[in-house]
């Protein structure tokens, strides 16, 4: 019989320290995906990188600019974004942002 795993976290408590620009916490790691929580301070950014797998992002709070290969998207609370593997991307926070991020392997 398969065991049931339950994870319960209040992500509002995941705050940045005064000196931190970025907080990343892997909430679930499996053989097929990583499910992470990301918080960015206003003005902080995730450097240009190419994803190794498909990515789904849910913007929980804040606003930012997501630069994808040939376009820039303005993203904000409530937005859902999907990017296929090997998409070149950069995210810059215009306000403090909280994001749920799923990366497939």
N, C-alpha and C. Protein backbone atom coordinates (compact mmCIF):
# COMPACT_ATOMS: atom_id res chain seq x y z
N UNK A 1 0.84 -1.18 0.00
CA UNK A 1 0.00 0.00 0.00
C UNK A 1 0.89 1.25 0.00
N UNK A 2 0.58 2.20 -0.84
CA UNK A 2 1.36 3.42 -0.96
C UNK A 2 1.06 4.37 0.19
N UNK A 3 2.12 4.95 0.77
CA UNK A 3 1.93 5.93 1.85
C UNK A 3 1.52 7.27 1.25
N UNK A 4 0.70 7.97 1.97
CA UNK A 4 0.28 9.30 1.55
C UNK A 4 1.16 10.34 2.24
N UNK A 5 1.70 11.25 1.46
CA UNK A 5 2.53 12.32 2.02
C UNK A 5 1.72 13.60 2.03
N UNK A 6 1.75 14.28 3.12
CA UNK A 6 1.05 15.57 3.25
C UNK A 6 2.06 16.61 3.69
N UNK A 7 2.08 17.70 2.95
CA UNK A 7 2.95 18.82 3.30
C UNK A 7 2.07 20.03 3.50
N UNK A 8 2.22 20.67 4.64
CA UNK A 8 1.43 21.86 4.94
C UNK A 8 2.38 22.95 5.39
N UNK A 9 2.43 24.05 4.63
CA UNK A 9 3.34 25.15 4.95
C UNK A 9 2.60 26.47 4.78
N UNK A 10 2.85 27.41 5.66
CA UNK A 10 2.34 28.76 5.48
C UNK A 10 3.46 29.58 4.88
N UNK A 11 3.36 29.89 3.59
CA UNK A 11 4.44 30.57 2.88
C UNK A 11 4.53 32.05 3.22
N UNK A 12 3.53 32.59 3.89
CA UNK A 12 3.61 34.00 4.31
C UNK A 12 4.73 34.21 5.32
N UNK A 13 5.13 33.15 5.98
CA UNK A 13 6.20 33.25 6.98
C UNK A 13 7.59 33.20 6.35
N UNK A 14 7.65 32.91 5.06
CA UNK A 14 8.93 32.82 4.37
C UNK A 14 9.36 34.23 3.97
N UNK A 15 10.05 34.91 4.85
CA UNK A 15 10.43 36.30 4.63
C UNK A 15 11.92 36.42 4.32
N UNK A 16 12.29 37.47 3.62
CA UNK A 16 13.68 37.75 3.34
C UNK A 16 14.36 38.33 4.57
N UNK A 17 15.60 37.96 4.79
CA UNK A 17 16.41 38.65 5.79
C UNK A 17 16.77 40.02 5.22
N UNK A 18 17.14 40.96 6.08
CA UNK A 18 17.43 42.31 5.62
C UNK A 18 18.49 42.36 4.52
N UNK A 19 19.49 41.50 4.59
CA UNK A 19 20.58 41.54 3.62
C UNK A 19 20.31 40.72 2.36
N UNK A 20 19.31 39.87 2.37
CA UNK A 20 19.03 38.99 1.23
C UNK A 20 18.23 39.68 0.13
N UNK A 21 18.60 39.40 -1.11
CA UNK A 21 17.85 39.87 -2.28
C UNK A 21 16.93 38.78 -2.80
N UNK A 22 17.25 37.53 -2.45
CA UNK A 22 16.56 36.39 -3.01
C UNK A 22 16.46 35.28 -1.98
N UNK A 23 15.30 34.65 -1.90
CA UNK A 23 15.09 33.47 -1.07
C UNK A 23 14.51 32.40 -1.98
N UNK A 24 15.15 31.24 -2.00
CA UNK A 24 14.63 30.10 -2.76
C UNK A 24 14.58 28.91 -1.83
N UNK A 25 13.43 28.27 -1.75
CA UNK A 25 13.28 27.08 -0.92
C UNK A 25 12.56 25.99 -1.71
N UNK A 26 13.22 24.84 -1.85
CA UNK A 26 12.58 23.71 -2.51
C UNK A 26 11.59 23.11 -1.51
N UNK A 27 10.32 23.11 -1.87
CA UNK A 27 9.28 22.57 -1.01
C UNK A 27 9.11 21.07 -1.22
N UNK A 28 9.19 20.65 -2.49
CA UNK A 28 9.06 19.23 -2.83
C UNK A 28 10.10 18.91 -3.90
N UNK A 29 10.85 17.84 -3.68
CA UNK A 29 11.80 17.37 -4.68
C UNK A 29 11.44 15.92 -4.99
N UNK A 30 11.25 15.64 -6.27
CA UNK A 30 10.95 14.27 -6.67
C UNK A 30 11.82 13.89 -7.86
N UNK A 31 11.69 12.70 -8.34
CA UNK A 31 12.47 12.26 -9.49
C UNK A 31 12.02 12.93 -10.78
N UNK A 32 10.83 13.54 -10.77
CA UNK A 32 10.31 14.16 -11.99
C UNK A 32 10.17 15.68 -11.94
N UNK A 33 10.20 16.28 -10.74
CA UNK A 33 10.05 17.74 -10.65
C UNK A 33 10.58 18.28 -9.32
N UNK A 34 10.85 19.59 -9.31
CA UNK A 34 11.11 20.36 -8.09
C UNK A 34 10.00 21.41 -7.98
N UNK A 35 9.42 21.53 -6.82
CA UNK A 35 8.39 22.53 -6.56
C UNK A 35 8.99 23.49 -5.54
N UNK A 36 9.19 24.74 -5.93
CA UNK A 36 9.93 25.69 -5.08
C UNK A 36 9.13 26.95 -4.81
N UNK A 37 9.52 27.61 -3.73
CA UNK A 37 9.00 28.93 -3.37
C UNK A 37 10.15 29.91 -3.58
N UNK A 38 9.88 31.01 -4.28
CA UNK A 38 10.89 32.03 -4.53
C UNK A 38 10.35 33.38 -4.06
N UNK A 39 11.18 34.12 -3.33
CA UNK A 39 10.83 35.49 -2.95
C UNK A 39 11.98 36.39 -3.41
N UNK A 40 11.63 37.45 -4.13
CA UNK A 40 12.61 38.42 -4.63
C UNK A 40 12.32 39.78 -4.03
N UNK A 41 13.37 40.45 -3.56
CA UNK A 41 13.23 41.83 -3.09
C UNK A 41 13.07 42.76 -4.29
N UNK A 42 12.41 43.88 -4.11
CA UNK A 42 12.25 44.89 -5.17
C UNK A 42 13.62 45.21 -5.77
N UNK A 43 13.72 45.16 -7.10
CA UNK A 43 14.97 45.45 -7.79
C UNK A 43 15.88 44.26 -7.99
N UNK A 44 15.60 43.15 -7.30
CA UNK A 44 16.43 41.95 -7.44
C UNK A 44 16.05 41.22 -8.72
N UNK A 45 16.94 40.36 -9.18
CA UNK A 45 16.63 39.61 -10.39
C UNK A 45 17.24 38.22 -10.35
N UNK A 46 16.65 37.34 -11.15
CA UNK A 46 17.22 36.04 -11.42
C UNK A 46 18.02 36.22 -12.70
N UNK A 47 19.28 35.88 -12.69
CA UNK A 47 20.15 36.11 -13.83
C UNK A 47 19.68 35.35 -15.06
N UNK A 48 20.13 35.80 -16.22
CA UNK A 48 19.78 35.13 -17.47
C UNK A 48 20.25 33.68 -17.39
N UNK A 49 19.34 32.77 -17.67
CA UNK A 49 19.67 31.35 -17.66
C UNK A 49 18.74 30.60 -18.60
N UNK A 50 19.15 29.40 -18.95
CA UNK A 50 18.35 28.53 -19.79
C UNK A 50 17.85 27.38 -18.93
N UNK A 51 16.54 27.16 -18.93
CA UNK A 51 15.97 26.11 -18.10
C UNK A 51 16.33 24.73 -18.65
N UNK A 52 16.54 23.80 -17.74
CA UNK A 52 16.87 22.43 -18.14
C UNK A 52 15.61 21.60 -18.39
N UNK A 53 14.49 22.03 -17.86
CA UNK A 53 13.22 21.33 -18.04
C UNK A 53 12.10 22.34 -18.22
N UNK A 54 10.88 21.84 -18.38
CA UNK A 54 9.72 22.73 -18.45
C UNK A 54 9.55 23.44 -17.12
N UNK A 55 9.03 24.68 -17.18
CA UNK A 55 8.80 25.47 -15.97
C UNK A 55 7.37 25.98 -15.96
N UNK A 56 6.74 25.91 -14.79
CA UNK A 56 5.46 26.57 -14.56
C UNK A 56 5.66 27.49 -13.36
N UNK A 57 5.19 28.73 -13.49
CA UNK A 57 5.32 29.71 -12.41
C UNK A 57 3.96 30.31 -12.11
N UNK A 58 3.66 30.47 -10.83
CA UNK A 58 2.45 31.17 -10.38
C UNK A 58 2.92 32.36 -9.55
N UNK A 59 2.58 33.56 -9.99
CA UNK A 59 2.96 34.76 -9.24
C UNK A 59 1.96 34.93 -8.10
N UNK A 60 2.44 34.79 -6.87
CA UNK A 60 1.58 34.90 -5.70
C UNK A 60 1.37 36.37 -5.34
N UNK A 61 2.45 37.14 -5.40
CA UNK A 61 2.34 38.57 -5.10
C UNK A 61 3.45 39.32 -5.81
N UNK A 62 3.22 40.61 -6.01
CA UNK A 62 4.23 41.47 -6.60
C UNK A 62 4.10 41.60 -8.10
N UNK A 63 5.05 42.38 -8.65
CA UNK A 63 5.09 42.64 -10.09
C UNK A 63 6.53 42.58 -10.56
N UNK A 64 6.70 42.18 -11.82
CA UNK A 64 8.05 42.13 -12.36
C UNK A 64 8.03 42.04 -13.87
N UNK A 65 9.25 41.94 -14.42
CA UNK A 65 9.43 41.79 -15.86
C UNK A 65 10.12 40.46 -16.10
N UNK A 66 9.50 39.64 -16.94
CA UNK A 66 10.06 38.36 -17.31
C UNK A 66 10.52 38.46 -18.76
N UNK A 67 11.84 38.46 -18.94
CA UNK A 67 12.42 38.54 -20.29
C UNK A 67 12.61 37.13 -20.82
N UNK A 68 11.96 36.85 -21.93
CA UNK A 68 12.07 35.57 -22.61
C UNK A 68 12.71 35.82 -23.96
N UNK A 69 13.55 34.96 -24.38
CA UNK A 69 14.29 35.05 -25.64
C UNK A 69 14.03 36.30 -26.47
N UNK A 70 12.80 36.53 -26.93
CA UNK A 70 12.55 37.66 -27.83
C UNK A 70 11.47 38.62 -27.35
N UNK A 71 10.99 38.46 -26.13
CA UNK A 71 9.94 39.35 -25.64
C UNK A 71 10.07 39.57 -24.14
N UNK A 72 9.44 40.63 -23.66
CA UNK A 72 9.40 40.93 -22.23
C UNK A 72 7.94 40.96 -21.80
N UNK A 73 7.63 40.15 -20.78
CA UNK A 73 6.28 40.10 -20.25
C UNK A 73 6.23 40.84 -18.92
N UNK A 74 5.21 41.64 -18.72
CA UNK A 74 4.96 42.23 -17.41
C UNK A 74 4.12 41.21 -16.65
N UNK A 75 4.63 40.74 -15.52
CA UNK A 75 3.93 39.72 -14.75
C UNK A 75 3.54 40.29 -13.40
N UNK A 76 2.40 39.80 -12.88
CA UNK A 76 1.91 40.31 -11.60
C UNK A 76 1.11 39.24 -10.88
N UNK A 77 0.73 39.57 -9.67
CA UNK A 77 -0.05 38.66 -8.83
C UNK A 77 -1.19 38.02 -9.62
N UNK A 78 -1.27 36.70 -9.52
CA UNK A 78 -2.34 35.96 -10.20
C UNK A 78 -1.93 35.38 -11.54
N UNK A 79 -0.82 35.85 -12.10
CA UNK A 79 -0.39 35.35 -13.41
C UNK A 79 0.17 33.93 -13.30
N UNK A 80 -0.11 33.14 -14.32
CA UNK A 80 0.46 31.80 -14.48
C UNK A 80 1.28 31.81 -15.75
N UNK A 81 2.50 31.32 -15.68
CA UNK A 81 3.40 31.31 -16.83
C UNK A 81 3.92 29.89 -17.02
N UNK A 82 3.93 29.42 -18.26
CA UNK A 82 4.54 28.14 -18.60
C UNK A 82 5.62 28.39 -19.64
N UNK A 83 6.79 27.79 -19.43
CA UNK A 83 7.91 27.90 -20.38
C UNK A 83 8.43 26.50 -20.67
N UNK A 84 8.60 26.19 -21.94
CA UNK A 84 9.14 24.88 -22.29
C UNK A 84 10.63 24.82 -22.00
N UNK A 85 11.14 23.61 -21.91
CA UNK A 85 12.56 23.39 -21.61
C UNK A 85 13.44 24.17 -22.58
N UNK A 86 14.56 24.63 -22.07
CA UNK A 86 15.59 25.35 -22.83
C UNK A 86 15.19 26.77 -23.22
N UNK A 87 14.18 27.32 -22.56
CA UNK A 87 13.81 28.72 -22.77
C UNK A 87 14.80 29.59 -22.01
N UNK A 88 15.39 30.56 -22.70
CA UNK A 88 16.29 31.51 -22.06
C UNK A 88 15.43 32.57 -21.39
N UNK A 89 15.72 32.87 -20.12
CA UNK A 89 14.84 33.76 -19.35
C UNK A 89 15.61 34.57 -18.32
N UNK A 90 14.99 35.67 -17.90
CA UNK A 90 15.49 36.52 -16.82
C UNK A 90 14.29 37.16 -16.16
N UNK A 91 14.26 37.19 -14.85
CA UNK A 91 13.15 37.80 -14.11
C UNK A 91 13.68 38.92 -13.24
N UNK A 92 13.06 40.09 -13.33
CA UNK A 92 13.44 41.23 -12.50
C UNK A 92 12.21 41.70 -11.71
N UNK A 93 12.36 41.82 -10.40
CA UNK A 93 11.24 42.23 -9.55
C UNK A 93 11.12 43.76 -9.53
N UNK A 94 9.95 44.25 -9.92
CA UNK A 94 9.69 45.69 -9.82
C UNK A 94 9.18 46.05 -8.43
N UNK A 95 8.52 45.09 -7.77
CA UNK A 95 8.14 45.19 -6.37
C UNK A 95 8.56 43.85 -5.74
N UNK A 96 8.51 43.75 -4.42
CA UNK A 96 8.83 42.45 -3.82
C UNK A 96 7.88 41.41 -4.39
N UNK A 97 8.42 40.26 -4.76
CA UNK A 97 7.63 39.22 -5.42
C UNK A 97 7.70 37.91 -4.64
N UNK A 98 6.60 37.14 -4.70
CA UNK A 98 6.55 35.77 -4.18
C UNK A 98 6.04 34.90 -5.32
N UNK A 99 6.72 33.77 -5.56
CA UNK A 99 6.43 32.93 -6.71
C UNK A 99 6.46 31.46 -6.33
N UNK A 100 5.52 30.68 -6.85
CA UNK A 100 5.60 29.23 -6.80
C UNK A 100 6.16 28.79 -8.14
N UNK A 101 7.14 27.92 -8.12
CA UNK A 101 7.91 27.57 -9.31
C UNK A 101 8.04 26.06 -9.40
N UNK A 102 7.67 25.49 -10.54
CA UNK A 102 7.80 24.05 -10.76
C UNK A 102 8.74 23.83 -11.94
N UNK A 103 9.78 23.02 -11.73
CA UNK A 103 10.73 22.66 -12.77
C UNK A 103 10.69 21.16 -12.95
N UNK A 104 10.44 20.72 -14.19
CA UNK A 104 10.44 19.27 -14.45
C UNK A 104 11.85 18.80 -14.76
N UNK A 105 12.10 17.53 -14.51
CA UNK A 105 13.42 16.94 -14.80
C UNK A 105 13.33 16.16 -16.09
